[in-house]
Amino acid sequence: MEHLLRGVLLIWDRTPKYIFLPGSPEHMRGWFFDLFLQLASFERERYPFYATIKVALMAVGFELRPQTTIILGDAP
């Protein structure tokens, strides 16, 4: 099967560092967290850590390539 399927899987790793940026016209989501504090804990639980994803992908046979980080806008 590995010879037939030579695709690439891209993963957008949305870390809390980017998810919880302050609210702004470019990042409206931040305003929701300011208004509804309980959403922050819910949102943190939605995104697994990269290490968890990496282990799961390797367990089903994916071959991992070097990780590349792309910084968008003024994110810290």
N, C-alpha and C. Protein backbone atom coordinates (compact mmCIF):
# COMPACT_ATOMS: atom_id res chain seq x y z
N MET A 1 0.83 -1.19 0.00
CA MET A 1 0.00 0.00 0.00
C MET A 1 0.87 1.26 0.00
N GLU A 2 1.99 1.22 0.72
CA GLU A 2 2.81 2.43 0.81
C GLU A 2 3.34 2.87 -0.54
N HIS A 3 3.47 1.94 -1.49
CA HIS A 3 3.95 2.32 -2.81
C HIS A 3 2.87 3.00 -3.65
N LEU A 4 1.62 2.74 -3.33
CA LEU A 4 0.52 3.34 -4.07
C LEU A 4 0.19 4.74 -3.56
N LEU A 5 0.28 4.95 -2.28
CA LEU A 5 -0.13 6.21 -1.68
C LEU A 5 1.09 7.01 -1.25
N ARG A 6 1.56 7.88 -2.09
CA ARG A 6 2.74 8.68 -1.77
C ARG A 6 2.34 10.14 -1.57
N GLY A 7 1.31 10.36 -0.79
CA GLY A 7 0.82 11.71 -0.53
C GLY A 7 1.56 12.37 0.62
N VAL A 8 1.19 13.60 0.87
CA VAL A 8 1.77 14.39 1.96
C VAL A 8 0.63 14.89 2.82
N LEU A 9 0.78 14.76 4.13
CA LEU A 9 -0.21 15.26 5.08
C LEU A 9 0.38 16.48 5.76
N LEU A 10 -0.28 17.61 5.64
CA LEU A 10 0.16 18.83 6.32
C LEU A 10 -0.70 19.02 7.56
N ILE A 11 -0.06 19.35 8.67
CA ILE A 11 -0.79 19.58 9.92
C ILE A 11 -0.56 21.01 10.36
N TRP A 12 -1.65 21.70 10.61
CA TRP A 12 -1.57 23.06 11.13
C TRP A 12 -1.59 22.94 12.64
N ASP A 13 -0.46 23.18 13.26
CA ASP A 13 -0.32 23.05 14.71
C ASP A 13 -0.72 24.37 15.35
N ARG A 14 -1.95 24.46 15.79
CA ARG A 14 -2.45 25.69 16.41
C ARG A 14 -2.19 25.62 17.90
N THR A 15 -1.10 26.21 18.32
CA THR A 15 -0.74 26.17 19.73
C THR A 15 -1.46 27.27 20.49
N PRO A 16 -1.58 27.13 21.81
CA PRO A 16 -2.22 28.18 22.61
C PRO A 16 -1.56 29.55 22.41
N LYS A 17 -0.29 29.56 22.08
CA LYS A 17 0.42 30.82 21.84
C LYS A 17 -0.29 31.63 20.74
N TYR A 18 -0.80 30.95 19.73
CA TYR A 18 -1.48 31.63 18.63
C TYR A 18 -2.98 31.73 18.84
N ILE A 19 -3.55 30.71 19.45
CA ILE A 19 -4.99 30.70 19.67
C ILE A 19 -5.43 31.83 20.59
N PHE A 20 -4.63 32.10 21.62
CA PHE A 20 -5.03 33.06 22.64
C PHE A 20 -4.39 34.43 22.47
N LEU A 21 -4.11 34.82 21.24
CA LEU A 21 -3.66 36.19 21.00
C LEU A 21 -4.77 37.14 21.41
N PRO A 22 -4.43 38.35 21.83
CA PRO A 22 -5.46 39.32 22.20
C PRO A 22 -6.40 39.61 21.03
N GLY A 23 -7.63 39.97 21.35
CA GLY A 23 -8.60 40.29 20.33
C GLY A 23 -8.19 41.51 19.52
N SER A 24 -8.42 41.45 18.21
CA SER A 24 -8.11 42.55 17.30
C SER A 24 -8.90 42.32 16.02
N PRO A 25 -8.93 43.31 15.11
CA PRO A 25 -9.63 43.08 13.84
C PRO A 25 -9.04 41.90 13.05
N GLU A 26 -7.75 41.61 13.26
CA GLU A 26 -7.12 40.49 12.57
C GLU A 26 -7.31 39.17 13.31
N HIS A 27 -7.67 39.25 14.58
CA HIS A 27 -7.83 38.04 15.40
C HIS A 27 -9.08 38.20 16.28
N MET A 28 -10.24 38.10 15.64
CA MET A 28 -11.50 38.31 16.36
C MET A 28 -11.74 37.27 17.44
N ARG A 29 -11.18 36.09 17.26
CA ARG A 29 -11.37 35.02 18.24
C ARG A 29 -10.93 35.46 19.64
N GLY A 30 -9.89 36.28 19.72
CA GLY A 30 -9.41 36.75 21.01
C GLY A 30 -10.48 37.48 21.81
N TRP A 31 -11.36 38.20 21.14
CA TRP A 31 -12.43 38.90 21.84
C TRP A 31 -13.39 37.92 22.52
N PHE A 32 -13.65 36.79 21.88
CA PHE A 32 -14.54 35.79 22.49
C PHE A 32 -13.96 35.28 23.81
N PHE A 33 -12.65 35.09 23.84
CA PHE A 33 -12.03 34.59 25.07
C PHE A 33 -12.04 35.66 26.16
N ASP A 34 -12.01 36.92 25.77
CA ASP A 34 -12.12 38.00 26.76
C ASP A 34 -13.53 38.05 27.35
N LEU A 35 -14.53 37.82 26.52
CA LEU A 35 -15.93 37.89 26.97
C LEU A 35 -16.41 36.62 27.66
N PHE A 36 -15.95 35.49 27.18
CA PHE A 36 -16.41 34.20 27.70
C PHE A 36 -15.20 33.39 28.17
N LEU A 37 -14.79 33.64 29.39
CA LEU A 37 -13.56 33.04 29.92
C LEU A 37 -13.59 31.51 29.91
N GLN A 38 -14.77 30.92 30.09
CA GLN A 38 -14.85 29.47 30.13
C GLN A 38 -14.49 28.83 28.79
N LEU A 39 -14.56 29.59 27.71
CA LEU A 39 -14.21 29.04 26.40
C LEU A 39 -12.71 28.71 26.30
N ALA A 40 -11.88 29.42 27.05
CA ALA A 40 -10.44 29.21 26.97
C ALA A 40 -10.07 27.78 27.36
N SER A 41 -10.63 27.27 28.46
CA SER A 41 -10.29 25.91 28.88
C SER A 41 -10.84 24.88 27.88
N PHE A 42 -12.02 25.14 27.37
CA PHE A 42 -12.60 24.25 26.35
C PHE A 42 -11.72 24.23 25.11
N GLU A 43 -11.26 25.39 24.68
CA GLU A 43 -10.44 25.50 23.48
C GLU A 43 -9.09 24.81 23.66
N ARG A 44 -8.51 24.92 24.84
CA ARG A 44 -7.22 24.25 25.11
C ARG A 44 -7.34 22.74 24.94
N GLU A 45 -8.47 22.19 25.35
CA GLU A 45 -8.68 20.74 25.27
C GLU A 45 -8.94 20.26 23.85
N ARG A 46 -9.33 21.15 22.96
CA ARG A 46 -9.65 20.76 21.58
C ARG A 46 -8.42 20.41 20.77
N TYR A 47 -7.28 20.97 21.11
CA TYR A 47 -6.08 20.80 20.30
C TYR A 47 -5.05 19.94 21.01
N PRO A 48 -4.80 18.73 20.50
CA PRO A 48 -3.80 17.88 21.13
C PRO A 48 -2.39 18.43 20.89
N PHE A 49 -1.48 18.04 21.75
CA PHE A 49 -0.09 18.45 21.59
C PHE A 49 0.49 17.77 20.35
N TYR A 50 1.47 18.41 19.74
CA TYR A 50 2.11 17.85 18.54
C TYR A 50 2.67 16.46 18.82
N ALA A 51 3.25 16.26 20.00
CA ALA A 51 3.84 14.96 20.34
C ALA A 51 2.78 13.86 20.28
N THR A 52 1.56 14.14 20.70
CA THR A 52 0.47 13.17 20.67
C THR A 52 0.12 12.82 19.23
N ILE A 53 0.05 13.83 18.38
CA ILE A 53 -0.27 13.62 16.97
C ILE A 53 0.84 12.82 16.30
N LYS A 54 2.07 13.17 16.60
CA LYS A 54 3.24 12.50 16.02
C LYS A 54 3.23 11.00 16.34
N VAL A 55 3.00 10.65 17.59
CA VAL A 55 2.97 9.24 18.00
C VAL A 55 1.84 8.50 17.28
N ALA A 56 0.67 9.12 17.20
CA ALA A 56 -0.48 8.48 16.54
C ALA A 56 -0.21 8.25 15.05
N LEU A 57 0.38 9.23 14.38
CA LEU A 57 0.68 9.07 12.96
C LEU A 57 1.72 7.98 12.72
N MET A 58 2.74 7.94 13.55
CA MET A 58 3.77 6.91 13.40
C MET A 58 3.21 5.52 13.68
N ALA A 59 2.26 5.44 14.61
CA ALA A 59 1.66 4.15 14.97
C ALA A 59 0.89 3.52 13.80
N VAL A 60 0.37 4.35 12.90
CA VAL A 60 -0.38 3.81 11.75
C VAL A 60 0.43 3.81 10.47
N GLY A 61 1.75 4.07 10.60
CA GLY A 61 2.63 3.89 9.45
C GLY A 61 3.08 5.12 8.70
N PHE A 62 2.76 6.31 9.18
CA PHE A 62 3.24 7.51 8.50
C PHE A 62 4.73 7.69 8.76
N GLU A 63 5.44 8.15 7.75
CA GLU A 63 6.85 8.50 7.88
C GLU A 63 6.92 10.02 8.03
N LEU A 64 7.46 10.48 9.13
CA LEU A 64 7.47 11.91 9.40
C LEU A 64 8.65 12.60 8.75
N ARG A 65 8.43 13.78 8.28
CA ARG A 65 9.45 14.64 7.68
C ARG A 65 9.80 15.73 8.68
N PRO A 66 10.86 16.49 8.42
CA PRO A 66 11.21 17.59 9.34
C PRO A 66 10.05 18.57 9.48
N GLN A 67 9.88 19.07 10.68
CA GLN A 67 8.82 20.03 10.98
C GLN A 67 9.25 21.42 10.54
N THR A 68 8.35 22.16 9.92
CA THR A 68 8.61 23.53 9.49
C THR A 68 7.62 24.44 10.20
N THR A 69 8.11 25.54 10.76
CA THR A 69 7.26 26.49 11.44
C THR A 69 7.10 27.73 10.57
N ILE A 70 5.87 28.13 10.37
CA ILE A 70 5.57 29.34 9.60
C ILE A 70 4.91 30.32 10.55
N ILE A 71 5.47 31.50 10.69
CA ILE A 71 4.91 32.52 11.56
C ILE A 71 4.07 33.46 10.70
N LEU A 72 2.82 33.62 11.08
CA LEU A 72 1.92 34.50 10.35
C LEU A 72 1.70 35.79 11.13
N GLY A 73 1.77 36.90 10.47
CA GLY A 73 1.50 38.18 11.10
C GLY A 73 2.45 38.50 12.23
N ASP A 74 1.91 39.11 13.29
CA ASP A 74 2.72 39.54 14.43
C ASP A 74 2.63 38.57 15.59
N ALA A 75 2.37 37.31 15.32
CA ALA A 75 2.26 36.33 16.40
C ALA A 75 3.58 36.23 17.14
N PRO A 76 3.52 36.05 18.46
CA PRO A 76 4.75 35.96 19.25
C PRO A 76 5.56 34.72 18.95
